[in-house]
């Protein structure tokens, strides 16, 4: 991987997003005692962290982050639709949707070769 110097601002949002997802799993576990929820949120949070790290190293390596955010948007959007719970499902779905939009704008604004 190529080091491009200071992290692009999108990475800061990415690391915050990864922390939000992981924290959602911890809160879900504390409230409901669901080990599956904890494992799932930590998995997706770590994957988001990996995507943000890759993005910080090379702005062209956006796909892990984009796929992870898109998957979470769909999964958590469906959970919100069926449960109506804001705290976990809607919050993560909305944050994931915003991250997908931000990544999509980043792709569209990328200089063409």
N, C-alpha and C. Protein backbone atom coordinates (compact mmCIF):
# COMPACT_ATOMS: atom_id res chain seq x y z
N UNK A 1 0.84 -1.19 0.00
CA UNK A 1 0.00 0.00 0.00
C UNK A 1 0.88 1.24 0.00
N UNK A 2 0.36 2.24 -0.59
CA UNK A 2 1.10 3.48 -0.71
C UNK A 2 0.65 4.45 0.37
N UNK A 3 1.60 5.09 1.02
CA UNK A 3 1.28 6.07 2.05
C UNK A 3 1.12 7.43 1.38
N UNK A 4 -0.05 8.03 1.57
CA UNK A 4 -0.33 9.30 0.91
C UNK A 4 -0.16 10.48 1.85
N UNK A 5 0.49 10.27 2.98
CA UNK A 5 0.70 11.35 3.93
C UNK A 5 -0.44 11.42 4.93
N UNK A 6 -0.86 12.60 5.29
CA UNK A 6 -1.93 12.73 6.28
C UNK A 6 -3.22 12.07 5.80
N UNK A 7 -3.99 11.56 6.75
CA UNK A 7 -5.25 10.90 6.41
C UNK A 7 -6.21 11.88 5.76
N UNK A 8 -6.94 11.37 4.78
CA UNK A 8 -7.97 12.19 4.18
C UNK A 8 -9.09 12.35 5.19
N UNK A 9 -9.82 13.45 5.17
CA UNK A 9 -10.87 13.68 6.17
C UNK A 9 -11.91 12.56 6.24
N UNK A 10 -12.18 11.89 5.13
CA UNK A 10 -13.15 10.81 5.13
C UNK A 10 -12.76 9.71 6.11
N UNK A 11 -11.48 9.52 6.33
CA UNK A 11 -11.01 8.48 7.25
C UNK A 11 -11.43 8.78 8.68
N UNK A 12 -11.43 10.03 9.06
CA UNK A 12 -11.85 10.37 10.41
C UNK A 12 -13.31 9.97 10.63
N UNK A 13 -14.15 10.24 9.65
CA UNK A 13 -15.53 9.81 9.73
C UNK A 13 -15.62 8.29 9.77
N UNK A 14 -14.76 7.65 9.01
CA UNK A 14 -14.74 6.19 8.95
C UNK A 14 -14.39 5.56 10.27
N UNK A 15 -13.38 6.09 10.95
CA UNK A 15 -13.01 5.54 12.25
C UNK A 15 -14.10 5.81 13.28
N UNK A 16 -14.73 6.97 13.21
CA UNK A 16 -15.85 7.26 14.11
C UNK A 16 -17.03 6.34 13.84
N UNK A 17 -17.29 6.08 12.58
CA UNK A 17 -18.36 5.17 12.19
C UNK A 17 -18.08 3.76 12.70
N UNK A 18 -16.85 3.31 12.56
CA UNK A 18 -16.47 1.98 13.05
C UNK A 18 -16.66 1.89 14.57
N UNK A 19 -16.29 2.94 15.28
CA UNK A 19 -16.47 2.96 16.73
C UNK A 19 -17.96 2.96 17.09
N UNK A 20 -18.78 3.68 16.33
CA UNK A 20 -20.22 3.71 16.57
C UNK A 20 -20.83 2.32 16.40
N UNK A 21 -20.43 1.62 15.35
CA UNK A 21 -20.97 0.28 15.10
C UNK A 21 -20.57 -0.67 16.22
N UNK A 22 -19.30 -0.66 16.59
CA UNK A 22 -18.83 -1.54 17.66
C UNK A 22 -19.51 -1.20 18.99
N UNK A 23 -19.68 0.07 19.26
CA UNK A 23 -20.35 0.50 20.49
C UNK A 23 -21.81 0.06 20.50
N UNK A 24 -22.44 0.07 19.34
CA UNK A 24 -23.82 -0.42 19.24
C UNK A 24 -23.93 -1.87 19.68
N UNK A 25 -22.95 -2.68 19.33
CA UNK A 25 -22.95 -4.08 19.76
C UNK A 25 -22.77 -4.21 21.26
N UNK A 26 -21.91 -3.39 21.82
CA UNK A 26 -21.67 -3.43 23.27
C UNK A 26 -22.93 -2.99 24.02
N UNK A 27 -23.58 -1.95 23.53
CA UNK A 27 -24.81 -1.47 24.18
C UNK A 27 -25.92 -2.52 24.04
N UNK A 28 -26.02 -3.13 22.86
CA UNK A 28 -27.03 -4.18 22.66
C UNK A 28 -26.80 -5.36 23.59
N UNK A 29 -25.55 -5.72 23.77
CA UNK A 29 -25.24 -6.82 24.68
C UNK A 29 -25.58 -6.44 26.12
N UNK A 30 -25.26 -5.22 26.50
CA UNK A 30 -25.53 -4.78 27.87
C UNK A 30 -27.04 -4.72 28.15
N UNK A 31 -27.83 -4.31 27.14
CA UNK A 31 -29.27 -4.17 27.35
C UNK A 31 -30.00 -5.50 27.25
N UNK A 32 -29.66 -6.30 26.27
CA UNK A 32 -30.43 -7.51 26.02
C UNK A 32 -29.65 -8.80 26.30
N UNK A 33 -28.35 -8.70 26.49
CA UNK A 33 -27.55 -9.89 26.74
C UNK A 33 -27.35 -10.76 25.51
N UNK A 34 -27.51 -10.19 24.33
CA UNK A 34 -27.40 -10.95 23.09
C UNK A 34 -25.95 -11.05 22.64
N UNK A 35 -25.41 -12.27 22.74
CA UNK A 35 -24.03 -12.51 22.31
C UNK A 35 -23.93 -12.42 20.79
N UNK A 36 -24.97 -12.89 20.08
CA UNK A 36 -24.98 -12.82 18.62
C UNK A 36 -24.93 -11.36 18.15
N UNK A 37 -25.69 -10.51 18.79
CA UNK A 37 -25.68 -9.08 18.45
C UNK A 37 -24.29 -8.50 18.69
N UNK A 38 -23.71 -8.82 19.81
CA UNK A 38 -22.36 -8.33 20.13
C UNK A 38 -21.36 -8.78 19.08
N UNK A 39 -21.38 -10.06 18.74
CA UNK A 39 -20.43 -10.59 17.76
C UNK A 39 -20.63 -9.96 16.39
N UNK A 40 -21.89 -9.79 15.98
CA UNK A 40 -22.18 -9.21 14.67
C UNK A 40 -21.72 -7.76 14.58
N UNK A 41 -22.07 -6.98 15.58
CA UNK A 41 -21.68 -5.57 15.58
C UNK A 41 -20.16 -5.42 15.65
N UNK A 42 -19.51 -6.24 16.47
CA UNK A 42 -18.05 -6.15 16.56
C UNK A 42 -17.40 -6.55 15.24
N UNK A 43 -17.96 -7.57 14.58
CA UNK A 43 -17.43 -7.98 13.28
C UNK A 43 -17.53 -6.85 12.27
N UNK A 44 -18.74 -6.28 12.15
CA UNK A 44 -18.92 -5.19 11.19
C UNK A 44 -18.16 -3.93 11.60
N UNK A 45 -18.04 -3.67 12.90
CA UNK A 45 -17.26 -2.54 13.37
C UNK A 45 -15.78 -2.69 13.03
N UNK A 46 -15.25 -3.90 13.23
CA UNK A 46 -13.86 -4.16 12.88
C UNK A 46 -13.64 -4.07 11.37
N UNK A 47 -14.60 -4.57 10.61
CA UNK A 47 -14.50 -4.48 9.15
C UNK A 47 -14.54 -3.03 8.69
N UNK A 48 -15.37 -2.22 9.33
CA UNK A 48 -15.41 -0.79 9.02
C UNK A 48 -14.10 -0.12 9.40
N UNK A 49 -13.53 -0.51 10.52
CA UNK A 49 -12.22 0.01 10.92
C UNK A 49 -11.14 -0.36 9.92
N UNK A 50 -11.19 -1.60 9.42
CA UNK A 50 -10.23 -2.02 8.40
C UNK A 50 -10.40 -1.19 7.13
N UNK A 51 -11.66 -0.97 6.74
CA UNK A 51 -11.93 -0.16 5.55
C UNK A 51 -11.43 1.27 5.73
N UNK A 52 -11.64 1.84 6.91
CA UNK A 52 -11.17 3.21 7.17
C UNK A 52 -9.65 3.25 7.15
N UNK A 53 -9.02 2.22 7.71
CA UNK A 53 -7.55 2.17 7.70
C UNK A 53 -7.03 2.07 6.27
N UNK A 54 -7.62 1.17 5.47
CA UNK A 54 -7.20 1.04 4.07
C UNK A 54 -7.38 2.37 3.34
N UNK A 55 -8.47 3.03 3.60
CA UNK A 55 -8.74 4.32 2.96
C UNK A 55 -7.72 5.36 3.37
N UNK A 56 -7.25 5.28 4.61
CA UNK A 56 -6.24 6.24 5.08
C UNK A 56 -4.89 6.00 4.41
N UNK A 57 -4.65 4.76 3.99
CA UNK A 57 -3.39 4.44 3.33
C UNK A 57 -3.41 4.75 1.84
N UNK A 58 -4.54 4.52 1.22
CA UNK A 58 -4.68 4.77 -0.21
C UNK A 58 -6.14 5.08 -0.51
N UNK A 59 -6.46 6.29 -0.91
CA UNK A 59 -7.87 6.67 -1.15
C UNK A 59 -8.57 5.84 -2.21
N UNK A 60 -7.83 5.06 -2.99
CA UNK A 60 -8.46 4.23 -4.02
C UNK A 60 -9.00 2.92 -3.45
N UNK A 61 -8.60 2.54 -2.24
CA UNK A 61 -9.05 1.28 -1.65
C UNK A 61 -10.31 1.50 -0.83
N UNK A 62 -11.39 1.73 -1.52
CA UNK A 62 -12.63 2.13 -0.89
C UNK A 62 -13.64 0.99 -0.80
N UNK A 63 -13.41 -0.10 -1.49
CA UNK A 63 -14.44 -1.11 -1.70
C UNK A 63 -14.81 -1.89 -0.45
N UNK A 64 -13.87 -2.24 0.42
CA UNK A 64 -14.21 -2.96 1.65
C UNK A 64 -15.14 -2.10 2.49
N UNK A 65 -14.80 -0.84 2.60
CA UNK A 65 -15.59 0.09 3.39
C UNK A 65 -16.98 0.29 2.79
N UNK A 66 -17.05 0.41 1.48
CA UNK A 66 -18.31 0.64 0.80
C UNK A 66 -19.23 -0.57 0.92
N UNK A 67 -18.70 -1.77 0.71
CA UNK A 67 -19.51 -2.98 0.80
C UNK A 67 -19.99 -3.19 2.23
N UNK A 68 -19.11 -2.97 3.20
CA UNK A 68 -19.49 -3.11 4.61
C UNK A 68 -20.60 -2.14 4.98
N UNK A 69 -20.46 -0.89 4.60
CA UNK A 69 -21.48 0.13 4.92
C UNK A 69 -22.79 -0.16 4.21
N UNK A 70 -22.71 -0.58 2.96
CA UNK A 70 -23.92 -0.91 2.21
C UNK A 70 -24.65 -2.10 2.80
N UNK A 71 -23.90 -3.11 3.22
CA UNK A 71 -24.50 -4.29 3.85
C UNK A 71 -25.20 -3.90 5.15
N UNK A 72 -24.53 -3.11 5.96
CA UNK A 72 -25.13 -2.67 7.22
C UNK A 72 -26.37 -1.80 6.97
N UNK A 73 -26.35 -0.99 5.94
CA UNK A 73 -27.52 -0.18 5.61
C UNK A 73 -28.72 -1.08 5.35
N UNK A 74 -28.51 -2.11 4.55
CA UNK A 74 -29.61 -3.03 4.23
C UNK A 74 -30.08 -3.83 5.43
N UNK A 75 -29.14 -4.44 6.15
CA UNK A 75 -29.50 -5.29 7.29
C UNK A 75 -30.20 -4.47 8.38
N UNK A 76 -29.59 -3.36 8.76
CA UNK A 76 -30.15 -2.58 9.85
C UNK A 76 -31.41 -1.83 9.42
N UNK A 77 -31.49 -1.48 8.16
CA UNK A 77 -32.73 -0.88 7.65
C UNK A 77 -33.90 -1.85 7.76
N UNK A 78 -33.66 -3.12 7.43
CA UNK A 78 -34.70 -4.13 7.55
C UNK A 78 -35.05 -4.39 9.02
N UNK A 79 -34.04 -4.40 9.88
CA UNK A 79 -34.31 -4.59 11.31
C UNK A 79 -35.15 -3.44 11.86
N UNK A 80 -34.84 -2.22 11.44
CA UNK A 80 -35.63 -1.07 11.89
C UNK A 80 -37.05 -1.15 11.35
N UNK A 81 -37.18 -1.54 10.11
CA UNK A 81 -38.51 -1.65 9.48
C UNK A 81 -39.39 -2.64 10.25
N UNK A 82 -38.80 -3.75 10.67
CA UNK A 82 -39.57 -4.78 11.37
C UNK A 82 -39.75 -4.50 12.86
N UNK A 83 -38.78 -3.83 13.49
CA UNK A 83 -38.86 -3.64 14.95
C UNK A 83 -39.30 -2.24 15.35
N UNK A 84 -38.95 -1.23 14.55
CA UNK A 84 -39.27 0.15 14.88
C UNK A 84 -38.39 0.74 15.97
N UNK A 85 -37.33 0.03 16.36
CA UNK A 85 -36.44 0.50 17.42
C UNK A 85 -35.41 1.47 16.85
N UNK A 86 -35.35 2.66 17.41
CA UNK A 86 -34.42 3.67 16.91
C UNK A 86 -33.00 3.44 17.39
N UNK A 87 -32.84 3.13 18.67
CA UNK A 87 -31.52 3.15 19.30
C UNK A 87 -30.50 2.32 18.56
N UNK A 88 -30.82 1.13 18.22
CA UNK A 88 -29.81 0.29 17.58
C UNK A 88 -29.98 0.29 16.07
N UNK A 89 -31.08 -0.23 15.62
CA UNK A 89 -31.26 -0.48 14.19
C UNK A 89 -31.28 0.80 13.36
N UNK A 90 -32.12 1.74 13.71
CA UNK A 90 -32.24 2.95 12.90
C UNK A 90 -30.98 3.80 12.93
N UNK A 91 -30.38 3.92 14.09
CA UNK A 91 -29.18 4.73 14.22
C UNK A 91 -28.05 4.19 13.34
N UNK A 92 -27.83 2.89 13.40
CA UNK A 92 -26.77 2.27 12.59
C UNK A 92 -27.14 2.31 11.11
N UNK A 93 -28.41 2.09 10.78
CA UNK A 93 -28.84 2.15 9.38
C UNK A 93 -28.63 3.54 8.80
N UNK A 94 -28.99 4.57 9.56
CA UNK A 94 -28.82 5.94 9.08
C UNK A 94 -27.35 6.32 8.97
N UNK A 95 -26.55 5.93 9.95
CA UNK A 95 -25.11 6.21 9.89
C UNK A 95 -24.48 5.48 8.70
N UNK A 96 -24.92 4.24 8.46
CA UNK A 96 -24.38 3.47 7.34
C UNK A 96 -24.78 4.08 6.00
N UNK A 97 -26.03 4.54 5.93
CA UNK A 97 -26.49 5.18 4.69
C UNK A 97 -25.70 6.46 4.42
N UNK A 98 -25.46 7.25 5.47
CA UNK A 98 -24.64 8.45 5.30
C UNK A 98 -23.22 8.11 4.86
N UNK A 99 -22.67 7.02 5.40
CA UNK A 99 -21.32 6.62 5.01
C UNK A 99 -21.29 6.15 3.55
N UNK A 100 -22.31 5.41 3.13
CA UNK A 100 -22.40 4.99 1.73
C UNK A 100 -22.48 6.21 0.82
N UNK A 101 -23.29 7.19 1.20
CA UNK A 101 -23.40 8.42 0.40
C UNK A 101 -22.07 9.15 0.34
N UNK A 102 -21.40 9.26 1.48
CA UNK A 102 -20.12 9.95 1.52
C UNK A 102 -19.07 9.23 0.66
N UNK A 103 -19.06 7.90 0.74
CA UNK A 103 -18.13 7.13 -0.08
C UNK A 103 -18.47 7.24 -1.56
N UNK A 104 -19.77 7.22 -1.86
CA UNK A 104 -20.20 7.37 -3.25
C UNK A 104 -19.80 8.72 -3.83
N UNK A 105 -19.97 9.77 -3.06
CA UNK A 105 -19.54 11.11 -3.50
C UNK A 105 -18.04 11.13 -3.70
N UNK A 106 -17.31 10.46 -2.80
CA UNK A 106 -15.86 10.39 -2.92
C UNK A 106 -15.45 9.71 -4.23
N UNK A 107 -16.18 8.64 -4.59
CA UNK A 107 -15.88 7.94 -5.83
C UNK A 107 -16.18 8.83 -7.04
N UNK A 108 -17.31 9.54 -7.00
CA UNK A 108 -17.68 10.40 -8.12
C UNK A 108 -16.74 11.59 -8.29
N UNK A 109 -16.18 12.08 -7.18
CA UNK A 109 -15.27 13.24 -7.24
C UNK A 109 -13.82 12.85 -7.49
N UNK A 110 -13.56 11.58 -7.61
CA UNK A 110 -12.20 11.09 -7.84
C UNK A 110 -11.74 11.51 -9.23
N UNK A 111 -10.50 11.98 -9.35
CA UNK A 111 -9.99 12.33 -10.68
C UNK A 111 -9.95 11.11 -11.59
N UNK A 112 -10.38 11.29 -12.81
CA UNK A 112 -10.39 10.20 -13.77
C UNK A 112 -9.02 10.02 -14.39
N UNK A 113 -8.59 8.74 -14.59
CA UNK A 113 -7.25 8.51 -15.20
C UNK A 113 -7.19 8.87 -16.64
